[in-house]
Amino acid sequence: MRDELIKDELSGEEIKYDDYIAGLAKGLSILEAFSSDRQRLNVTQTAERTGFTRTAARRYLKTLKFLGYLDTDDYYYWLTHKVLKFSGAYLNTAHLPRVAQPVLNILATKTSLVYSIVVLDNHDLVPVARSISPQLDEFRVSPFGIHLGNRIPAHTASTGKVLLSQRTIEEQKQWLEHYELRRFTHYTITDQQHFLEELERIREQTYCISSEEYELGVVAVAIPIITQKGEIVAALNAVAPVNKVNDFYLVNTIVPMLRQAAKEIRDMI
């Protein structure tokens, strides 16, 4: 028996070597290689994204095709609807999205903005709950990025920055060591020192306003959701077109509503 531990540098999770199934981890990393910017991958591209040999990448791709999680035209591979089985199971059973949904809906009805609960997964944000209001013109108000399960670069969003601001400076620097601050719009922060200074400012004010950093024409404000035990589990945000709101309204009207909503959610989780 080997007692040594394997540690994930980003999450800090540890597992005993003898409890770790490398084949499973590699298979999942193949699925994670697919993204919105690379929806189709061939063997060479998959090997480059995962660090596997071409032979290993080909075997994993063919196995996942056999199991129904991938489809292929004999050159490119892509995800099938079967991968949604996992996200559907999560959304149907996870406690946080279920208790938050009615709170989000009430907020949307009161203000005609779009609200969501977002969690941080390494370097990406994942919306796990989103407001539903029949009064809203969803196609006009809702930005592209806010739909369940979509992955959003954490450095571009109010939710990502407000969650990262709650970490120590050492943890923030370690996070940046593994991540490129990629530019998505003219307003995206791409300088690491500037980004760290922004996180410090957000931590002091306990909320974050992010305007047009991921998508032009969209502004969002977010606060962290902190459990009664002091654990930061997610972020709550409001999203609006930039021409419909201003910072004064967001800070003085929306932020207090977010804080009250976060308290209601905290009391139920």
C-alpha atoms as a PDB file:
ATOM      1  CA  MET A   1       0.000   0.000   0.000  1.00  0.00           C
ATOM      2  CA  ARG A   2       1.260   3.478  -0.894  1.00  0.00           C
ATOM      3  CA  ASP A   3       0.411   6.121   1.705  1.00  0.00           C
ATOM      4  CA  GLU A   4       1.596   9.111  -0.302  1.00  0.00           C
ATOM      5  CA  LEU A   5      -0.980  11.732  -1.287  1.00  0.00           C
ATOM      6  CA  ILE A   6      -1.895  13.240  -4.626  1.00  0.00           C
ATOM      7  CA  LYS A   7      -2.881  16.901  -4.357  1.00  0.00           C
ATOM      8  CA  ASP A   8      -4.814  19.096  -6.759  1.00  0.00           C
ATOM      9  CA  GLU A   9      -2.966  22.423  -6.789  1.00  0.00           C
ATOM     10  CA  LEU A  10      -6.036  24.494  -7.628  1.00  0.00           C
ATOM     11  CA  SER A  11      -8.677  22.956  -5.381  1.00  0.00           C
ATOM     12  CA  GLY A  12      -6.335  21.822  -2.606  1.00  0.00           C
ATOM     13  CA  GLU A  13      -8.064  18.422  -2.544  1.00  0.00           C
ATOM     14  CA  GLU A  14      -5.942  15.447  -1.537  1.00  0.00           C
ATOM     15  CA  ILE A  15      -6.354  11.730  -2.159  1.00  0.00           C
ATOM     16  CA  LYS A  16      -4.273   8.695  -1.297  1.00  0.00           C
ATOM     17  CA  TYR A  17      -2.320   7.275  -4.217  1.00  0.00           C
ATOM     18  CA  ASP A  18      -3.945   3.842  -3.815  1.00  0.00           C
ATOM     19  CA  ASP A  19      -7.416   5.418  -3.935  1.00  0.00           C
ATOM     20  CA  TYR A  20      -6.745   7.318  -7.146  1.00  0.00           C
ATOM     21  CA  ILE A  21      -7.968   5.827 -10.445  1.00  0.00           C
ATOM     22  CA  ALA A  22      -5.815   7.419 -13.120  1.00  0.00           C
ATOM     23  CA  GLY A  23      -7.812   5.977 -16.018  1.00  0.00           C
ATOM     24  CA  LEU A  24     -11.022   7.570 -14.787  1.00  0.00           C
ATOM     25  CA  ALA A  25      -9.293  10.911 -14.309  1.00  0.00           C
ATOM     26  CA  LYS A  26      -7.871  10.780 -17.833  1.00  0.00           C
ATOM     27  CA  GLY A  27     -11.231   9.900 -19.355  1.00  0.00           C
ATOM     28  CA  LEU A  28     -12.865  12.861 -17.644  1.00  0.00           C
ATOM     29  CA  SER A  29     -10.064  15.168 -18.760  1.00  0.00           C
ATOM     30  CA  ILE A  30     -10.863  14.169 -22.349  1.00  0.00           C
ATOM     31  CA  LEU A  31     -14.469  15.318 -21.883  1.00  0.00           C
ATOM     32  CA  GLU A  32     -13.273  18.541 -20.259  1.00  0.00           C
ATOM     33  CA  ALA A  33     -11.062  19.265 -23.277  1.00  0.00           C
ATOM     34  CA  PHE A  34     -14.160  20.183 -25.271  1.00  0.00           C
ATOM     35  CA  SER A  35     -15.361  23.758 -24.807  1.00  0.00           C
ATOM     36  CA  SER A  36     -17.326  26.523 -26.492  1.00  0.00           C
ATOM     37  CA  ASP A  37     -14.232  27.616 -28.415  1.00  0.00           C
ATOM     38  CA  ARG A  38     -13.317  24.034 -29.377  1.00  0.00           C
ATOM     39  CA  GLN A  39     -16.534  22.089 -29.896  1.00  0.00           C
ATOM     40  CA  ARG A  40     -14.876  19.568 -32.192  1.00  0.00           C
ATOM     41  CA  LEU A  41     -11.459  18.012 -31.646  1.00  0.00           C
ATOM     42  CA  ASN A  42      -9.382  15.530 -33.583  1.00  0.00           C
ATOM     43  CA  VAL A  43      -6.865  13.149 -32.018  1.00  0.00           C
ATOM     44  CA  THR A  44      -3.923  15.549 -32.339  1.00  0.00           C
ATOM     45  CA  GLN A  45      -5.830  18.488 -30.840  1.00  0.00           C
ATOM     46  CA  THR A  46      -7.075  16.317 -27.977  1.00  0.00           C
ATOM     47  CA  ALA A  47      -3.547  15.134 -27.240  1.00  0.00           C
ATOM     48  CA  GLU A  48      -2.312  18.726 -27.191  1.00  0.00           C
ATOM     49  CA  ARG A  49      -5.088  19.842 -24.838  1.00  0.00           C
ATOM     50  CA  THR A  50      -4.664  16.986 -22.381  1.00  0.00           C
ATOM     51  CA  GLY A  51      -0.950  16.296 -22.566  1.00  0.00           C
ATOM     52  CA  PHE A  52      -1.585  12.680 -23.591  1.00  0.00           C
ATOM     53  CA  THR A  53       0.175  10.856 -26.375  1.00  0.00           C
ATOM     54  CA  ARG A  54      -1.743  10.599 -29.640  1.00  0.00           C
ATOM     55  CA  THR A  55      -2.147   6.862 -29.067  1.00  0.00           C
ATOM     56  CA  ALA A  56      -3.637   7.356 -25.603  1.00  0.00           C
ATOM     57  CA  ALA A  57      -5.875  10.200 -26.787  1.00  0.00           C
ATOM     58  CA  ARG A  58      -7.189   8.056 -29.661  1.00  0.00           C
ATOM     59  CA  ARG A  59      -8.024   5.162 -27.322  1.00  0.00           C
ATOM     60  CA  TYR A  60      -9.883   7.383 -24.870  1.00  0.00           C
ATOM     61  CA  LEU A  61     -11.798   9.097 -27.661  1.00  0.00           C
ATOM     62  CA  LYS A  62     -12.821   5.774 -29.176  1.00  0.00           C
ATOM     63  CA  THR A  63     -13.884   4.423 -25.768  1.00  0.00           C
ATOM     64  CA  LEU A  64     -16.018   7.497 -25.041  1.00  0.00           C
ATOM     65  CA  LYS A  65     -17.529   7.184 -28.521  1.00  0.00           C
ATOM     66  CA  PHE A  66     -18.353   3.536 -27.778  1.00  0.00           C
ATOM     67  CA  LEU A  67     -20.005   4.577 -24.490  1.00  0.00           C
ATOM     68  CA  GLY A  68     -22.092   7.225 -26.242  1.00  0.00           C
ATOM     69  CA  TYR A  69     -20.539  10.363 -24.757  1.00  0.00           C
ATOM     70  CA  LEU A  70     -18.890  11.369 -28.038  1.00  0.00           C
ATOM     71  CA  ASP A  71     -19.796  11.189 -31.697  1.00  0.00           C
ATOM     72  CA  THR A  72     -17.466  11.337 -34.672  1.00  0.00           C
ATOM     73  CA  ASP A  73     -17.166  11.695 -38.423  1.00  0.00           C
ATOM     74  CA  ASP A  74     -14.032   9.517 -38.279  1.00  0.00           C
ATOM     75  CA  TYR A  75     -11.808  12.594 -38.001  1.00  0.00           C
ATOM     76  CA  TYR A  76     -13.340  15.015 -35.506  1.00  0.00           C
ATOM     77  CA  TYR A  77     -15.061  14.100 -32.242  1.00  0.00           C
ATOM     78  CA  TRP A  78     -17.740  16.074 -30.388  1.00  0.00           C
ATOM     79  CA  LEU A  79     -19.858  15.751 -27.246  1.00  0.00           C
ATOM     80  CA  THR A  80     -23.304  14.152 -27.401  1.00  0.00           C
ATOM     81  CA  HIS A  81     -26.422  14.903 -25.379  1.00  0.00           C
ATOM     82  CA  LYS A  82     -25.526  12.015 -23.062  1.00  0.00           C
ATOM     83  CA  VAL A  83     -23.128  14.263 -21.097  1.00  0.00           C
ATOM     84  CA  LEU A  84     -26.184  16.305 -20.016  1.00  0.00           C
ATOM     85  CA  LYS A  85     -27.218  13.331 -17.902  1.00  0.00           C
ATOM     86  CA  PHE A  86     -24.759  14.470 -15.249  1.00  0.00           C
ATOM     87  CA  SER A  87     -25.754  18.142 -15.249  1.00  0.00           C
ATOM     88  CA  GLY A  88     -29.434  17.198 -15.179  1.00  0.00           C
ATOM     89  CA  ALA A  89     -28.890  14.946 -12.190  1.00  0.00           C
ATOM     90  CA  TYR A  90     -27.014  17.710 -10.389  1.00  0.00           C
ATOM     91  CA  LEU A  91     -29.651  20.384 -11.037  1.00  0.00           C
ATOM     92  CA  ASN A  92     -32.443  18.037  -9.975  1.00  0.00           C
ATOM     93  CA  THR A  93     -30.816  16.988  -6.715  1.00  0.00           C
ATOM     94  CA  ALA A  94     -28.494  19.794  -5.568  1.00  0.00           C
ATOM     95  CA  HIS A  95     -29.855  21.759  -2.628  1.00  0.00           C
ATOM     96  CA  LEU A  96     -28.532  25.230  -3.501  1.00  0.00           C
ATOM     97  CA  PRO A  97     -30.240  25.630  -6.919  1.00  0.00           C
ATOM     98  CA  ARG A  98     -33.564  24.374  -5.559  1.00  0.00           C
ATOM     99  CA  VAL A  99     -33.725  26.725  -2.573  1.00  0.00           C
ATOM    100  CA  ALA A 100     -32.399  29.690  -4.582  1.00  0.00           C
ATOM    101  CA  GLN A 101     -34.772  29.440  -7.550  1.00  0.00           C
ATOM    102  CA  PRO A 102     -37.869  31.062  -5.967  1.00  0.00           C
ATOM    103  CA  VAL A 103     -35.708  33.808  -4.446  1.00  0.00           C
ATOM    104  CA  LEU A 104     -34.242  34.612  -7.868  1.00  0.00           C
ATOM    105  CA  ASN A 105     -37.672  34.659  -9.476  1.00  0.00           C
ATOM    106  CA  ILE A 106     -38.996  37.165  -6.929  1.00  0.00           C
ATOM    107  CA  LEU A 107     -36.003  39.447  -7.496  1.00  0.00           C
ATOM    108  CA  ALA A 108     -36.536  39.344 -11.266  1.00  0.00           C
ATOM    109  CA  THR A 109     -40.220  40.192 -10.904  1.00  0.00           C
ATOM    110  CA  LYS A 110     -39.422  43.192  -8.702  1.00  0.00           C
ATOM    111  CA  THR A 111     -36.703  44.723 -10.876  1.00  0.00           C
ATOM    112  CA  SER A 112     -36.904  43.232 -14.405  1.00  0.00           C
ATOM    113  CA  LEU A 113     -33.218  42.270 -14.210  1.00  0.00           C
ATOM    114  CA  VAL A 114     -31.769  38.783 -14.653  1.00  0.00           C
ATOM    115  CA  TYR A 115     -30.406  37.049 -11.538  1.00  0.00           C
ATOM    116  CA  SER A 116     -28.268  33.959 -11.164  1.00  0.00           C
ATOM    117  CA  ILE A 117     -26.378  31.789  -8.704  1.00  0.00           C
ATOM    118  CA  VAL A 118     -22.859  30.985  -9.902  1.00  0.00           C
ATOM    119  CA  VAL A 119     -20.160  28.663  -8.563  1.00  0.00           C
ATOM    120  CA  LEU A 120     -16.434  28.771  -9.275  1.00  0.00           C
ATOM    121  CA  ASP A 121     -14.884  25.676 -10.846  1.00  0.00           C
ATOM    122  CA  ASN A 122     -11.125  26.253 -10.962  1.00  0.00           C
ATOM    123  CA  HIS A 123     -10.879  29.001 -13.603  1.00  0.00           C
ATOM    124  CA  ASP A 124     -14.452  28.948 -14.869  1.00  0.00           C
ATOM    125  CA  LEU A 125     -17.773  30.111 -13.532  1.00  0.00           C
ATOM    126  CA  VAL A 126     -20.791  27.838 -13.858  1.00  0.00           C
ATOM    127  CA  PRO A 127     -24.350  29.209 -13.436  1.00  0.00           C
ATOM    128  CA  VAL A 128     -26.393  26.667 -11.451  1.00  0.00           C
ATOM    129  CA  ALA A 129     -29.616  28.665 -11.030  1.00  0.00           C
ATOM    130  CA  ARG A 130     -31.143  31.503 -13.026  1.00  0.00           C
ATOM    131  CA  SER A 131     -34.214  33.657 -12.572  1.00  0.00           C
ATOM    132  CA  ILE A 132     -37.346  32.934 -14.575  1.00  0.00           C
ATOM    133  CA  SER A 133     -39.904  35.670 -15.095  1.00  0.00           C
ATOM    134  CA  PRO A 134     -42.675  35.675 -17.720  1.00  0.00           C
ATOM    135  CA  GLN A 135     -42.641  39.476 -17.604  1.00  0.00           C
ATOM    136  CA  LEU A 136     -39.166  39.678 -19.116  1.00  0.00           C
ATOM    137  CA  ASP A 137     -38.238  39.706 -22.748  1.00  0.00           C
ATOM    138  CA  GLU A 138     -35.552  37.055 -22.243  1.00  0.00           C
ATOM    139  CA  PHE A 139     -33.942  37.497 -25.650  1.00  0.00           C
ATOM    140  CA  ARG A 140     -33.589  41.251 -25.116  1.00  0.00           C
ATOM    141  CA  VAL A 141     -32.430  41.299 -21.490  1.00  0.00           C
ATOM    142  CA  SER A 142     -30.511  38.096 -20.873  1.00  0.00           C
ATOM    143  CA  PRO A 143     -26.837  38.073 -21.891  1.00  0.00           C
ATOM    144  CA  PHE A 144     -25.404  35.160 -23.825  1.00  0.00           C
ATOM    145  CA  GLY A 145     -23.372  33.787 -20.942  1.00  0.00           C
ATOM    146  CA  ILE A 146     -26.116  33.330 -18.377  1.00  0.00           C
ATOM    147  CA  HIS A 147     -27.587  29.919 -19.003  1.00  0.00           C
ATOM    148  CA  LEU A 148     -27.300  26.884 -16.795  1.00  0.00           C
ATOM    149  CA  GLY A 149     -24.121  24.884 -17.142  1.00  0.00           C
ATOM    150  CA  ASN A 150     -22.362  27.375 -19.400  1.00  0.00           C
ATOM    151  CA  ARG A 151     -18.751  28.098 -18.483  1.00  0.00           C
ATOM    152  CA  ILE A 152     -17.630  31.713 -18.189  1.00  0.00           C
ATOM    153  CA  PRO A 153     -14.011  32.871 -17.663  1.00  0.00           C
ATOM    154  CA  ALA A 154     -13.841  33.853 -13.999  1.00  0.00           C
ATOM    155  CA  HIS A 155     -11.686  36.957 -14.455  1.00  0.00           C
ATOM    156  CA  THR A 156     -14.254  38.599 -16.741  1.00  0.00           C
ATOM    157  CA  ALA A 157     -17.298  38.463 -14.458  1.00  0.00           C
ATOM    158  CA  SER A 158     -18.549  40.141 -11.298  1.00  0.00           C
ATOM    159  CA  THR A 159     -19.246  36.744  -9.724  1.00  0.00           C
ATOM    160  CA  GLY A 160     -15.772  35.418 -10.421  1.00  0.00           C
ATOM    161  CA  LYS A 161     -14.028  38.469  -9.047  1.00  0.00           C
ATOM    162  CA  VAL A 162     -16.190  38.662  -5.939  1.00  0.00           C
ATOM    163  CA  LEU A 163     -15.471  34.995  -5.168  1.00  0.00           C
ATOM    164  CA  LEU A 164     -11.739  35.348  -5.809  1.00  0.00           C
ATOM    165  CA  SER A 165     -11.631  38.490  -3.646  1.00  0.00           C
ATOM    166  CA  GLN A 166     -12.512  36.360  -0.618  1.00  0.00           C
ATOM    167  CA  ARG A 167      -9.313  34.332  -0.983  1.00  0.00           C
ATOM    168  CA  THR A 168      -5.962  35.223   0.568  1.00  0.00           C
ATOM    169  CA  ILE A 169      -3.444  37.107  -1.556  1.00  0.00           C
ATOM    170  CA  GLU A 170      -1.304  33.960  -1.680  1.00  0.00           C
ATOM    171  CA  GLU A 171      -4.235  31.922  -2.989  1.00  0.00           C
ATOM    172  CA  GLN A 172      -5.032  34.597  -5.567  1.00  0.00           C
ATOM    173  CA  LYS A 173      -1.450  34.622  -6.843  1.00  0.00           C
ATOM    174  CA  GLN A 174      -1.416  30.828  -7.008  1.00  0.00           C
ATOM    175  CA  TRP A 175      -4.658  30.932  -8.992  1.00  0.00           C
ATOM    176  CA  LEU A 176      -3.108  33.374 -11.440  1.00  0.00           C
ATOM    177  CA  GLU A 177      -0.036  31.168 -11.899  1.00  0.00           C
ATOM    178  CA  HIS A 178      -2.211  28.613 -13.672  1.00  0.00           C
ATOM    179  CA  TYR A 179      -4.370  31.048 -15.600  1.00  0.00           C
ATOM    180  CA  GLU A 180      -4.036  33.566 -18.420  1.00  0.00           C
ATOM    181  CA  LEU A 181      -6.115  36.741 -18.124  1.00  0.00           C
ATOM    182  CA  ARG A 182      -7.388  36.489 -21.667  1.00  0.00           C
ATOM    183  CA  ARG A 183      -8.922  39.563 -23.285  1.00  0.00           C
ATOM    184  CA  PHE A 184     -12.559  39.284 -24.387  1.00  0.00           C
ATOM    185  CA  THR A 185     -13.396  42.972 -24.817  1.00  0.00           C
ATOM    186  CA  HIS A 186     -11.556  46.279 -24.597  1.00  0.00           C
ATOM    187  CA  TYR A 187     -12.594  46.466 -20.928  1.00  0.00           C
ATOM    188  CA  THR A 188     -11.254  43.075 -19.789  1.00  0.00           C
ATOM    189  CA  ILE A 189      -8.529  43.318 -17.154  1.00  0.00           C
ATOM    190  CA  THR A 190      -5.500  41.439 -18.455  1.00  0.00           C
ATOM    191  CA  ASP A 191      -2.700  42.767 -16.222  1.00  0.00           C
ATOM    192  CA  GLN A 192      -2.117  40.558 -13.166  1.00  0.00           C
ATOM    193  CA  GLN A 193      -1.134  43.373 -10.786  1.00  0.00           C
ATOM    194  CA  HIS A 194      -4.145  45.426 -11.828  1.00  0.00           C
ATOM    195  CA  PHE A 195      -6.334  42.362 -11.339  1.00  0.00           C
ATOM    196  CA  LEU A 196      -4.988  41.764  -7.815  1.00  0.00           C
ATOM    197  CA  GLU A 197      -5.578  45.417  -6.920  1.00  0.00           C
ATOM    198  CA  GLU A 198      -9.123  45.103  -8.218  1.00  0.00           C
ATOM    199  CA  LEU A 199      -9.714  42.049  -6.026  1.00  0.00           C
ATOM    200  CA  GLU A 200      -8.478  43.956  -2.973  1.00  0.00           C
ATOM    201  CA  ARG A 201     -10.870  46.812  -3.701  1.00  0.00           C
ATOM    202  CA  ILE A 202     -13.768  44.397  -4.169  1.00  0.00           C
ATOM    203  CA  ARG A 203     -12.973  42.643  -0.893  1.00  0.00           C
ATOM    204  CA  GLU A 204     -13.132  45.953   0.976  1.00  0.00           C
ATOM    205  CA  GLN A 205     -16.481  46.994  -0.512  1.00  0.00           C
ATOM    206  CA  THR A 206     -17.952  43.425  -0.379  1.00  0.00           C
ATOM    207  CA  TYR A 207     -19.533  43.626  -3.843  1.00  0.00           C
ATOM    208  CA  CYS A 208     -18.340  43.804  -7.442  1.00  0.00           C
ATOM    209  CA  ILE A 209     -19.624  45.679 -10.469  1.00  0.00           C
ATOM    210  CA  SER A 210     -18.276  44.441 -13.782  1.00  0.00           C
ATOM    211  CA  SER A 211     -19.180  46.284 -16.976  1.00  0.00           C
ATOM    212  CA  GLU A 212     -18.653  44.901 -20.488  1.00  0.00           C
ATOM    213  CA  GLU A 213     -15.627  42.768 -19.572  1.00  0.00           C
ATOM    214  CA  TYR A 214     -17.031  39.570 -21.074  1.00  0.00           C
ATOM    215  CA  GLU A 215     -19.785  40.838 -23.336  1.00  0.00           C
ATOM    216  CA  LEU A 216     -20.299  44.357 -24.681  1.00  0.00           C
ATOM    217  CA  GLY A 217     -23.490  46.062 -23.579  1.00  0.00           C
ATOM    218  CA  VAL A 218     -23.813  44.044 -20.354  1.00  0.00           C
ATOM    219  CA  VAL A 219     -23.175  45.103 -16.751  1.00  0.00           C
ATOM    220  CA  ALA A 220     -23.446  42.910 -13.650  1.00  0.00           C
ATOM    221  CA  VAL A 221     -23.180  43.308  -9.887  1.00  0.00           C
ATOM    222  CA  ALA A 222     -22.429  40.415  -7.526  1.00  0.00           C
ATOM    223  CA  ILE A 223     -21.980  39.502  -3.868  1.00  0.00           C
ATOM    224  CA  PRO A 224     -20.752  36.262  -2.271  1.00  0.00           C
ATOM    225  CA  ILE A 225     -23.095  33.761  -0.627  1.00  0.00           C
ATOM    226  CA  ILE A 226     -21.562  32.768   2.705  1.00  0.00           C
ATOM    227  CA  THR A 227     -23.002  30.000   4.872  1.00  0.00           C
ATOM    228  CA  GLN A 228     -23.611  30.333   8.594  1.00  0.00           C
ATOM    229  CA  LYS A 229     -20.327  28.456   9.075  1.00  0.00           C
ATOM    230  CA  GLY A 230     -18.473  31.105   7.095  1.00  0.00           C
ATOM    231  CA  GLU A 231     -18.000  28.986   3.969  1.00  0.00           C
ATOM    232  CA  ILE A 232     -18.197  30.750   0.606  1.00  0.00           C
ATOM    233  CA  VAL A 233     -20.328  28.490  -1.583  1.00  0.00           C
ATOM    234  CA  ALA A 234     -21.366  30.666  -4.527  1.00  0.00           C
ATOM    235  CA  ALA A 235     -22.022  34.170  -5.776  1.00  0.00           C
ATOM    236  CA  LEU A 236     -25.330  35.903  -6.452  1.00  0.00           C
ATOM    237  CA  ASN A 237     -25.526  38.457  -9.230  1.00  0.00           C
ATOM    238  CA  ALA A 238     -27.842  40.722 -11.180  1.00  0.00           C
ATOM    239  CA  VAL A 239     -27.307  41.364 -14.891  1.00  0.00           C
ATOM    240  CA  ALA A 240     -28.651  44.209 -17.017  1.00  0.00           C
ATOM    241  CA  PRO A 241     -28.026  46.117 -20.256  1.00  0.00           C
ATOM    242  CA  VAL A 242     -25.600  48.990 -19.629  1.00  0.00           C
ATOM    243  CA  ASN A 243     -28.046  51.510 -21.066  1.00  0.00           C
ATOM    244  CA  LYS A 244     -30.782  50.570 -18.556  1.00  0.00           C
ATOM    245  CA  VAL A 245     -28.954  50.974 -15.220  1.00  0.00           C
ATOM    246  CA  ASN A 246     -26.160  53.007 -13.630  1.00  0.00           C
ATOM    247  CA  ASP A 247     -23.730  52.347 -10.773  1.00  0.00           C
ATOM    248  CA  PHE A 248     -25.747  54.457  -8.307  1.00  0.00           C
ATOM    249  CA  TYR A 249     -28.838  52.313  -8.900  1.00  0.00           C
ATOM    250  CA  LEU A 250     -26.855  49.083  -8.685  1.00  0.00           C
ATOM    251  CA  VAL A 251     -25.108  50.028  -5.439  1.00  0.00           C
ATOM    252  CA  ASN A 252     -28.047  51.669  -3.642  1.00  0.00           C
ATOM    253  CA  THR A 253     -30.963  49.566  -4.861  1.00  0.00           C
ATOM    254  CA  ILE A 254     -29.736  46.226  -6.192  1.00  0.00           C
ATOM    255  CA  VAL A 255     -26.878  45.466  -3.765  1.00  0.00           C
ATOM    256  CA  PRO A 256     -29.166  45.724  -0.668  1.00  0.00           C
ATOM    257  CA  MET A 257     -31.660  43.414  -2.403  1.00  0.00           C
ATOM    258  CA  LEU A 258     -28.886  40.954  -3.209  1.00  0.00           C
ATOM    259  CA  ARG A 259     -27.711  40.967   0.387  1.00  0.00           C
ATOM    260  CA  GLN A 260     -31.207  40.278   1.687  1.00  0.00           C
ATOM    261  CA  ALA A 261     -31.640  37.496  -0.857  1.00  0.00           C
ATOM    262  CA  ALA A 262     -28.249  36.013   0.067  1.00  0.00           C
ATOM    263  CA  LYS A 263     -29.322  35.999   3.718  1.00  0.00           C
ATOM    264  CA  GLU A 264     -32.543  34.156   2.832  1.00  0.00           C
ATOM    265  CA  ILE A 265     -30.608  31.590   0.817  1.00  0.00           C
ATOM    266  CA  ARG A 266     -27.987  31.233   3.558  1.00  0.00           C
ATOM    267  CA  ASP A 267     -30.695  30.450   6.106  1.00  0.00           C
ATOM    268  CA  MET A 268     -31.956  27.602   3.916  1.00  0.00           C
ATOM    269  CA  ILE A 269     -28.672  25.884   3.010  1.00  0.00           C
END
